[in-house]
Amino acid sequence: MSVSTNLCFDLSFEDDGDYDSKNLILQADSLWAKDHHLDFHPTITINDFTYRGDIEFSDIREAICAAYQKRPQHCNLDDIWAKESTVRPYEEHNPEKENIIEDKQLKTLKVYHVFMVIIVICIVFFFTLRYFQRKTRRDNSEEIN
């Protein structure tokens, strides 16, 4: 952290540099949230209702779009989820589909590992071959001299 950041941090406590004393910035933020009747802070409010879901972009966008009586085109949830994922959050859970995906990923991972092992073996073989070729040349040149 920079010197000014450290200084700001140290001065934010009730007793300068005493990290066990009250943090004035956090206390002011907490009072602000309390004055605005916010139980969860930071919070998101949509049409005077406090959003109570995951703080993820797609979840918040879905909550905002759900607040419209007549949804604009960019709030078509089928289009949104088709672009972002193969799984829609409002579809019934299908563990067989997940197992198929996991099996494919596992097979791909195994193939990748086998491929990497083959490459490492080839590299080791190449350097070993080079080493013995050089050693043989050296030995032969010493015998000739």
N, C-alpha and C. Protein backbone atom coordinates (compact mmCIF):
# COMPACT_ATOMS: atom_id res chain seq x y z
N MET A 1 0.85 -1.19 0.00
CA MET A 1 0.00 0.00 0.00
C MET A 1 0.89 1.24 0.00
N SER A 2 0.34 2.31 -0.54
CA SER A 2 1.10 3.55 -0.58
C SER A 2 1.08 4.22 0.79
N VAL A 3 1.95 5.20 0.96
CA VAL A 3 2.05 5.91 2.24
C VAL A 3 0.74 6.62 2.55
N SER A 4 0.14 7.26 1.52
CA SER A 4 -1.12 7.98 1.77
C SER A 4 -2.25 7.02 2.14
N THR A 5 -2.26 5.82 1.54
CA THR A 5 -3.28 4.83 1.88
C THR A 5 -3.10 4.36 3.31
N ASN A 6 -1.86 4.09 3.69
CA ASN A 6 -1.59 3.68 5.07
C ASN A 6 -1.98 4.77 6.06
N LEU A 7 -1.67 6.03 5.71
CA LEU A 7 -2.01 7.15 6.59
C LEU A 7 -3.52 7.27 6.75
N CYS A 8 -4.24 7.16 5.63
CA CYS A 8 -5.71 7.23 5.67
C CYS A 8 -6.27 6.10 6.54
N PHE A 9 -5.71 4.90 6.37
CA PHE A 9 -6.15 3.75 7.16
C PHE A 9 -5.91 4.01 8.65
N ASP A 10 -4.71 4.47 9.00
CA ASP A 10 -4.37 4.72 10.40
C ASP A 10 -5.26 5.80 11.01
N LEU A 11 -5.56 6.84 10.23
CA LEU A 11 -6.35 7.96 10.75
C LEU A 11 -7.85 7.65 10.80
N SER A 12 -8.28 6.53 10.20
CA SER A 12 -9.71 6.21 10.20
C SER A 12 -10.18 5.65 11.54
N PHE A 13 -9.25 5.35 12.45
CA PHE A 13 -9.62 4.83 13.75
C PHE A 13 -9.81 5.97 14.75
N GLU A 14 -10.66 5.71 15.75
CA GLU A 14 -10.94 6.71 16.77
C GLU A 14 -9.65 7.18 17.45
N ASP A 15 -8.79 6.24 17.79
CA ASP A 15 -7.47 6.55 18.32
C ASP A 15 -6.47 6.22 17.21
N ASP A 16 -5.80 7.23 16.69
CA ASP A 16 -4.88 7.06 15.56
C ASP A 16 -3.94 5.89 15.77
N GLY A 17 -3.96 4.95 14.82
CA GLY A 17 -3.05 3.80 14.88
C GLY A 17 -3.48 2.70 15.82
N ASP A 18 -4.54 2.91 16.63
CA ASP A 18 -5.02 1.88 17.55
C ASP A 18 -6.09 1.07 16.82
N TYR A 19 -5.71 -0.09 16.31
CA TYR A 19 -6.62 -0.89 15.48
C TYR A 19 -7.72 -1.57 16.28
N ASP A 20 -7.65 -1.50 17.60
CA ASP A 20 -8.72 -2.06 18.43
C ASP A 20 -9.81 -1.02 18.72
N SER A 21 -9.55 0.25 18.41
CA SER A 21 -10.56 1.28 18.63
C SER A 21 -11.54 1.29 17.46
N LYS A 22 -12.62 2.07 17.57
CA LYS A 22 -13.66 2.12 16.54
C LYS A 22 -13.11 2.72 15.26
N ASN A 23 -13.51 2.12 14.12
CA ASN A 23 -13.15 2.65 12.82
C ASN A 23 -14.23 3.66 12.43
N LEU A 24 -13.87 4.92 12.31
CA LEU A 24 -14.84 5.99 12.09
C LEU A 24 -15.51 5.88 10.71
N ILE A 25 -14.79 5.46 9.70
CA ILE A 25 -15.37 5.34 8.35
C ILE A 25 -16.41 4.23 8.33
N LEU A 26 -16.07 3.08 8.89
CA LEU A 26 -17.03 1.97 8.93
C LEU A 26 -18.23 2.30 9.81
N GLN A 27 -17.99 3.02 10.90
CA GLN A 27 -19.07 3.41 11.78
C GLN A 27 -20.04 4.36 11.06
N ALA A 28 -19.51 5.33 10.32
CA ALA A 28 -20.36 6.26 9.57
C ALA A 28 -21.15 5.54 8.49
N ASP A 29 -20.51 4.57 7.82
CA ASP A 29 -21.20 3.79 6.79
C ASP A 29 -22.32 2.96 7.41
N SER A 30 -22.06 2.37 8.56
CA SER A 30 -23.06 1.58 9.26
C SER A 30 -24.25 2.44 9.71
N LEU A 31 -23.97 3.64 10.21
CA LEU A 31 -25.05 4.55 10.61
C LEU A 31 -25.88 4.98 9.41
N TRP A 32 -25.22 5.24 8.29
CA TRP A 32 -25.95 5.61 7.07
C TRP A 32 -26.91 4.50 6.67
N ALA A 33 -26.42 3.25 6.67
CA ALA A 33 -27.26 2.11 6.30
C ALA A 33 -28.43 1.96 7.27
N LYS A 34 -28.17 2.17 8.56
CA LYS A 34 -29.22 2.07 9.58
C LYS A 34 -30.27 3.17 9.38
N ASP A 35 -29.81 4.40 9.09
CA ASP A 35 -30.74 5.52 8.86
C ASP A 35 -31.62 5.29 7.64
N HIS A 36 -31.13 4.52 6.67
CA HIS A 36 -31.89 4.23 5.45
C HIS A 36 -32.60 2.88 5.52
N HIS A 37 -32.65 2.31 6.72
CA HIS A 37 -33.37 1.05 6.99
C HIS A 37 -32.87 -0.09 6.10
N LEU A 38 -31.56 -0.18 5.96
CA LEU A 38 -30.96 -1.25 5.18
C LEU A 38 -30.44 -2.32 6.13
N ASP A 39 -31.08 -3.48 6.08
CA ASP A 39 -30.63 -4.58 6.94
C ASP A 39 -29.37 -5.22 6.40
N PHE A 40 -29.28 -5.31 5.08
CA PHE A 40 -28.11 -5.88 4.43
C PHE A 40 -27.42 -4.75 3.67
N HIS A 41 -26.13 -4.60 3.94
CA HIS A 41 -25.41 -3.50 3.30
C HIS A 41 -24.08 -4.01 2.78
N PRO A 42 -23.71 -3.79 1.55
CA PRO A 42 -24.43 -3.03 0.54
C PRO A 42 -25.65 -3.81 0.07
N THR A 43 -26.65 -3.10 -0.42
CA THR A 43 -27.89 -3.71 -0.85
C THR A 43 -28.35 -3.12 -2.16
N ILE A 44 -29.24 -3.81 -2.83
CA ILE A 44 -29.81 -3.36 -4.10
C ILE A 44 -31.31 -3.26 -3.92
N THR A 45 -31.87 -2.14 -4.33
CA THR A 45 -33.32 -1.93 -4.23
C THR A 45 -33.89 -1.78 -5.64
N ILE A 46 -34.91 -2.56 -5.93
CA ILE A 46 -35.59 -2.51 -7.24
C ILE A 46 -37.05 -2.23 -6.97
N ASN A 47 -37.54 -1.09 -7.48
CA ASN A 47 -38.95 -0.68 -7.27
C ASN A 47 -39.33 -0.71 -5.80
N ASP A 48 -38.52 -0.16 -4.95
CA ASP A 48 -38.73 -0.07 -3.51
C ASP A 48 -38.73 -1.42 -2.79
N PHE A 49 -38.26 -2.46 -3.45
CA PHE A 49 -38.10 -3.76 -2.81
C PHE A 49 -36.62 -4.09 -2.74
N THR A 50 -36.19 -4.58 -1.59
CA THR A 50 -34.79 -4.94 -1.42
C THR A 50 -34.53 -6.28 -2.09
N TYR A 51 -33.54 -6.31 -2.96
CA TYR A 51 -33.15 -7.53 -3.65
C TYR A 51 -32.47 -8.47 -2.67
N ARG A 52 -32.91 -9.73 -2.62
CA ARG A 52 -32.39 -10.71 -1.66
C ARG A 52 -31.79 -11.92 -2.37
N GLY A 53 -30.98 -11.71 -3.37
CA GLY A 53 -30.39 -12.84 -4.08
C GLY A 53 -28.88 -12.72 -4.14
N ASP A 54 -28.28 -13.55 -4.98
CA ASP A 54 -26.84 -13.48 -5.17
C ASP A 54 -26.48 -12.17 -5.85
N ILE A 55 -25.35 -11.64 -5.48
CA ILE A 55 -24.89 -10.40 -6.11
C ILE A 55 -24.06 -10.80 -7.33
N GLU A 56 -24.73 -11.35 -8.31
CA GLU A 56 -24.13 -11.73 -9.58
C GLU A 56 -24.84 -10.93 -10.66
N PHE A 57 -24.11 -10.54 -11.70
CA PHE A 57 -24.67 -9.71 -12.75
C PHE A 57 -25.94 -10.31 -13.35
N SER A 58 -25.88 -11.59 -13.72
CA SER A 58 -27.03 -12.20 -14.39
C SER A 58 -28.24 -12.30 -13.46
N ASP A 59 -28.01 -12.57 -12.17
CA ASP A 59 -29.12 -12.65 -11.22
C ASP A 59 -29.78 -11.29 -11.01
N ILE A 60 -28.95 -10.26 -10.89
CA ILE A 60 -29.49 -8.91 -10.69
C ILE A 60 -30.25 -8.47 -11.94
N ARG A 61 -29.67 -8.74 -13.11
CA ARG A 61 -30.34 -8.38 -14.37
C ARG A 61 -31.70 -9.08 -14.46
N GLU A 62 -31.75 -10.34 -14.08
CA GLU A 62 -33.00 -11.09 -14.12
C GLU A 62 -34.03 -10.48 -13.17
N ALA A 63 -33.58 -10.05 -11.99
CA ALA A 63 -34.49 -9.42 -11.02
C ALA A 63 -35.01 -8.09 -11.55
N ILE A 64 -34.15 -7.31 -12.18
CA ILE A 64 -34.58 -6.03 -12.75
C ILE A 64 -35.58 -6.27 -13.87
N CYS A 65 -35.29 -7.23 -14.73
CA CYS A 65 -36.20 -7.53 -15.85
C CYS A 65 -37.54 -8.06 -15.34
N ALA A 66 -37.53 -8.79 -14.24
CA ALA A 66 -38.77 -9.33 -13.68
C ALA A 66 -39.66 -8.21 -13.13
N ALA A 67 -39.09 -7.04 -12.85
CA ALA A 67 -39.86 -5.92 -12.30
C ALA A 67 -40.70 -5.22 -13.37
N TYR A 68 -40.41 -5.46 -14.64
CA TYR A 68 -41.19 -4.84 -15.72
C TYR A 68 -42.52 -5.57 -15.91
N GLN A 69 -43.60 -4.82 -16.14
CA GLN A 69 -44.87 -5.44 -16.48
C GLN A 69 -44.82 -5.92 -17.93
N LYS A 70 -44.28 -5.08 -18.80
CA LYS A 70 -44.06 -5.48 -20.19
C LYS A 70 -42.55 -5.42 -20.42
N ARG A 71 -41.94 -6.57 -20.53
CA ARG A 71 -40.48 -6.63 -20.60
C ARG A 71 -39.97 -6.10 -21.94
N PRO A 72 -38.90 -5.31 -21.89
CA PRO A 72 -38.25 -4.90 -23.13
C PRO A 72 -37.56 -6.11 -23.78
N GLN A 73 -37.20 -6.00 -25.03
CA GLN A 73 -36.62 -7.12 -25.76
C GLN A 73 -35.34 -7.63 -25.10
N HIS A 74 -34.52 -6.73 -24.57
CA HIS A 74 -33.25 -7.17 -23.96
C HIS A 74 -33.47 -7.91 -22.64
N CYS A 75 -34.72 -7.99 -22.18
CA CYS A 75 -35.02 -8.74 -20.96
C CYS A 75 -35.64 -10.10 -21.25
N ASN A 76 -35.58 -10.57 -22.49
CA ASN A 76 -36.09 -11.89 -22.81
C ASN A 76 -35.16 -12.92 -22.17
N LEU A 77 -35.62 -13.54 -21.10
CA LEU A 77 -34.76 -14.42 -20.31
C LEU A 77 -34.28 -15.64 -21.10
N ASP A 78 -35.10 -16.14 -22.03
CA ASP A 78 -34.65 -17.27 -22.84
C ASP A 78 -33.44 -16.89 -23.68
N ASP A 79 -33.46 -15.68 -24.25
CA ASP A 79 -32.31 -15.21 -25.02
C ASP A 79 -31.09 -15.01 -24.13
N ILE A 80 -31.31 -14.44 -22.97
CA ILE A 80 -30.21 -14.17 -22.05
C ILE A 80 -29.52 -15.47 -21.65
N TRP A 81 -30.31 -16.45 -21.21
CA TRP A 81 -29.71 -17.69 -20.73
C TRP A 81 -29.16 -18.53 -21.86
N ALA A 82 -29.73 -18.42 -23.06
CA ALA A 82 -29.18 -19.15 -24.20
C ALA A 82 -27.79 -18.64 -24.53
N LYS A 83 -27.57 -17.34 -24.38
CA LYS A 83 -26.26 -16.76 -24.67
C LYS A 83 -25.25 -17.07 -23.57
N GLU A 84 -25.68 -17.13 -22.34
CA GLU A 84 -24.76 -17.23 -21.21
C GLU A 84 -24.47 -18.65 -20.75
N SER A 85 -25.41 -19.54 -20.94
CA SER A 85 -25.22 -20.85 -20.33
C SER A 85 -26.11 -21.87 -21.02
N THR A 86 -25.74 -23.13 -20.86
CA THR A 86 -26.59 -24.19 -21.39
C THR A 86 -27.65 -24.60 -20.37
N VAL A 87 -27.53 -24.13 -19.14
CA VAL A 87 -28.47 -24.47 -18.08
C VAL A 87 -29.25 -23.23 -17.69
N ARG A 88 -30.57 -23.35 -17.68
CA ARG A 88 -31.42 -22.23 -17.25
C ARG A 88 -31.73 -22.43 -15.77
N PRO A 89 -31.72 -21.37 -14.97
CA PRO A 89 -31.92 -21.52 -13.53
C PRO A 89 -33.33 -21.96 -13.18
N TYR A 90 -34.28 -21.77 -14.09
CA TYR A 90 -35.66 -22.13 -13.78
C TYR A 90 -36.04 -23.48 -14.37
N GLU A 91 -35.06 -24.21 -14.93
CA GLU A 91 -35.33 -25.55 -15.42
C GLU A 91 -35.19 -26.55 -14.29
N GLU A 92 -35.86 -27.67 -14.45
CA GLU A 92 -35.77 -28.73 -13.46
C GLU A 92 -34.36 -29.31 -13.46
N HIS A 93 -33.87 -29.63 -12.28
CA HIS A 93 -32.51 -30.16 -12.13
C HIS A 93 -32.42 -31.54 -12.77
N ASN A 94 -31.40 -31.76 -13.60
CA ASN A 94 -31.23 -33.03 -14.29
C ASN A 94 -29.81 -33.55 -14.02
N PRO A 95 -29.64 -34.42 -13.00
CA PRO A 95 -28.30 -34.90 -12.65
C PRO A 95 -27.66 -35.74 -13.75
N GLU A 96 -28.47 -36.42 -14.59
CA GLU A 96 -27.90 -37.23 -15.66
C GLU A 96 -27.15 -36.35 -16.66
N LYS A 97 -27.71 -35.17 -16.95
CA LYS A 97 -27.07 -34.24 -17.88
C LYS A 97 -25.75 -33.76 -17.29
N GLU A 98 -25.71 -33.49 -15.99
CA GLU A 98 -24.48 -33.06 -15.34
C GLU A 98 -23.42 -34.17 -15.40
N ASN A 99 -23.85 -35.44 -15.19
CA ASN A 99 -22.90 -36.55 -15.23
C ASN A 99 -22.30 -36.70 -16.61
N ILE A 100 -23.09 -36.49 -17.65
CA ILE A 100 -22.57 -36.58 -19.01
C ILE A 100 -21.49 -35.52 -19.22
N ILE A 101 -21.76 -34.31 -18.76
CA ILE A 101 -20.79 -33.23 -18.90
C ILE A 101 -19.53 -33.56 -18.11
N GLU A 102 -19.69 -34.05 -16.88
CA GLU A 102 -18.54 -34.39 -16.06
C GLU A 102 -17.73 -35.51 -16.68
N ASP A 103 -18.40 -36.52 -17.27
CA ASP A 103 -17.70 -37.63 -17.92
C ASP A 103 -16.90 -37.12 -19.11
N LYS A 104 -17.47 -36.23 -19.90
CA LYS A 104 -16.76 -35.68 -21.06
C LYS A 104 -15.55 -34.88 -20.60
N GLN A 105 -15.74 -34.09 -19.56
CA GLN A 105 -14.63 -33.30 -19.04
C GLN A 105 -13.54 -34.19 -18.49
N LEU A 106 -13.92 -35.27 -17.81
CA LEU A 106 -12.96 -36.20 -17.25
C LEU A 106 -12.17 -36.90 -18.35
N LYS A 107 -12.87 -37.32 -19.41
CA LYS A 107 -12.19 -37.97 -20.53
C LYS A 107 -11.21 -37.01 -21.20
N THR A 108 -11.65 -35.77 -21.39
CA THR A 108 -10.77 -34.77 -21.99
C THR A 108 -9.55 -34.54 -21.13
N LEU A 109 -9.75 -34.48 -19.82
CA LEU A 109 -8.64 -34.28 -18.90
C LEU A 109 -7.66 -35.45 -18.94
N LYS A 110 -8.18 -36.68 -19.03
CA LYS A 110 -7.31 -37.85 -19.11
C LYS A 110 -6.49 -37.82 -20.39
N VAL A 111 -7.13 -37.49 -21.50
CA VAL A 111 -6.42 -37.42 -22.78
C VAL A 111 -5.32 -36.36 -22.71
N TYR A 112 -5.64 -35.23 -22.11
CA TYR A 112 -4.67 -34.15 -21.97
C TYR A 112 -3.47 -34.62 -21.14
N HIS A 113 -3.72 -35.30 -20.04
CA HIS A 113 -2.63 -35.78 -19.19
C HIS A 113 -1.76 -36.80 -19.92
N VAL A 114 -2.38 -37.72 -20.64
CA VAL A 114 -1.62 -38.72 -21.40
C VAL A 114 -0.75 -38.01 -22.45
N PHE A 115 -1.32 -37.05 -23.13
CA PHE A 115 -0.59 -36.29 -24.14
C PHE A 115 0.60 -35.57 -23.52
N MET A 116 0.41 -34.96 -22.37
CA MET A 116 1.50 -34.24 -21.70
C MET A 116 2.59 -35.21 -21.24
N VAL A 117 2.23 -36.38 -20.76
CA VAL A 117 3.21 -37.37 -20.34
C VAL A 117 4.04 -37.81 -21.55
N ILE A 118 3.40 -38.03 -22.68
CA ILE A 118 4.11 -38.43 -23.90
C ILE A 118 5.09 -37.34 -24.31
N ILE A 119 4.67 -36.09 -24.25
CA ILE A 119 5.56 -34.99 -24.61
C ILE A 119 6.77 -34.94 -23.67
N VAL A 120 6.54 -35.09 -22.37
CA VAL A 120 7.65 -35.07 -21.41
C VAL A 120 8.61 -36.22 -21.67
N ILE A 121 8.09 -37.39 -21.97
CA ILE A 121 8.95 -38.55 -22.26
C ILE A 121 9.78 -38.28 -23.52
N CYS A 122 9.16 -37.70 -24.54
CA CYS A 122 9.89 -37.38 -25.77
C CYS A 122 11.00 -36.37 -25.50
N ILE A 123 10.72 -35.36 -24.69
CA ILE A 123 11.74 -34.35 -24.37
C ILE A 123 12.90 -34.99 -23.61
N VAL A 124 12.58 -35.82 -22.62
CA VAL A 124 13.63 -36.50 -21.86
C VAL A 124 14.45 -37.40 -22.79
N PHE A 125 13.77 -38.13 -23.66
CA PHE A 125 14.46 -39.01 -24.60
C PHE A 125 15.38 -38.20 -25.52
N PHE A 126 14.90 -37.08 -26.03
CA PHE A 126 15.69 -36.23 -26.92
C PHE A 126 16.96 -35.74 -26.24
N PHE A 127 16.84 -35.22 -25.02
CA PHE A 127 18.02 -34.72 -24.32
C PHE A 127 18.97 -35.84 -23.91
N THR A 128 18.42 -36.99 -23.58
CA THR A 128 19.28 -38.14 -23.26
C THR A 128 20.05 -38.57 -24.50
N LEU A 129 19.39 -38.63 -25.62
CA LEU A 129 20.04 -39.00 -26.88
C LEU A 129 21.15 -38.01 -27.23
N ARG A 130 20.86 -36.72 -27.09
CA ARG A 130 21.87 -35.68 -27.37
C ARG A 130 23.08 -35.84 -26.43
N TYR A 131 22.80 -36.11 -25.18
CA TYR A 131 23.88 -36.27 -24.21
C TYR A 131 24.79 -37.43 -24.62
N PHE A 132 24.20 -38.58 -24.94
CA PHE A 132 25.01 -39.74 -25.30
C PHE A 132 25.72 -39.55 -26.64
N GLN A 133 25.12 -38.82 -27.57
CA GLN A 133 25.80 -38.53 -28.84
C GLN A 133 27.04 -37.68 -28.59
N ARG A 134 26.91 -36.67 -27.78
CA ARG A 134 28.06 -35.81 -27.47
C ARG A 134 29.13 -36.58 -26.70
N LYS A 135 28.69 -37.41 -25.75
CA LYS A 135 29.65 -38.19 -24.96
C LYS A 135 30.40 -39.16 -25.86
N THR A 136 29.68 -39.78 -26.80
CA THR A 136 30.31 -40.72 -27.73
C THR A 136 31.32 -40.00 -28.61
N ARG A 137 30.98 -38.82 -29.12
CA ARG A 137 31.90 -38.04 -29.94
C ARG A 137 33.15 -37.67 -29.15
N ARG A 138 32.95 -37.24 -27.92
CA ARG A 138 34.07 -36.87 -27.07
C ARG A 138 34.99 -38.08 -26.82
N ASP A 139 34.36 -39.21 -26.50
CA ASP A 139 35.14 -40.42 -26.25
C ASP A 139 35.92 -40.84 -27.49
N ASN A 140 35.25 -40.75 -28.65
CA ASN A 140 35.91 -41.14 -29.91
C ASN A 140 37.06 -40.20 -30.24
N SER A 141 36.86 -38.91 -30.00
CA SER A 141 37.93 -37.96 -30.31
C SER A 141 39.10 -38.14 -29.36
N GLU A 142 38.87 -38.54 -28.12
CA GLU A 142 39.93 -38.79 -27.17
C GLU A 142 40.72 -40.05 -27.56
N GLU A 143 40.02 -41.06 -28.08
CA GLU A 143 40.69 -42.28 -28.48
C GLU A 143 41.57 -42.05 -29.71
N ILE A 144 41.11 -41.19 -30.59
CA ILE A 144 41.87 -40.89 -31.80
C ILE A 144 43.14 -40.12 -31.44
N ASN A 145 43.05 -39.21 -30.52
CA ASN A 145 44.20 -38.41 -30.12
C ASN A 145 45.05 -39.22 -29.22
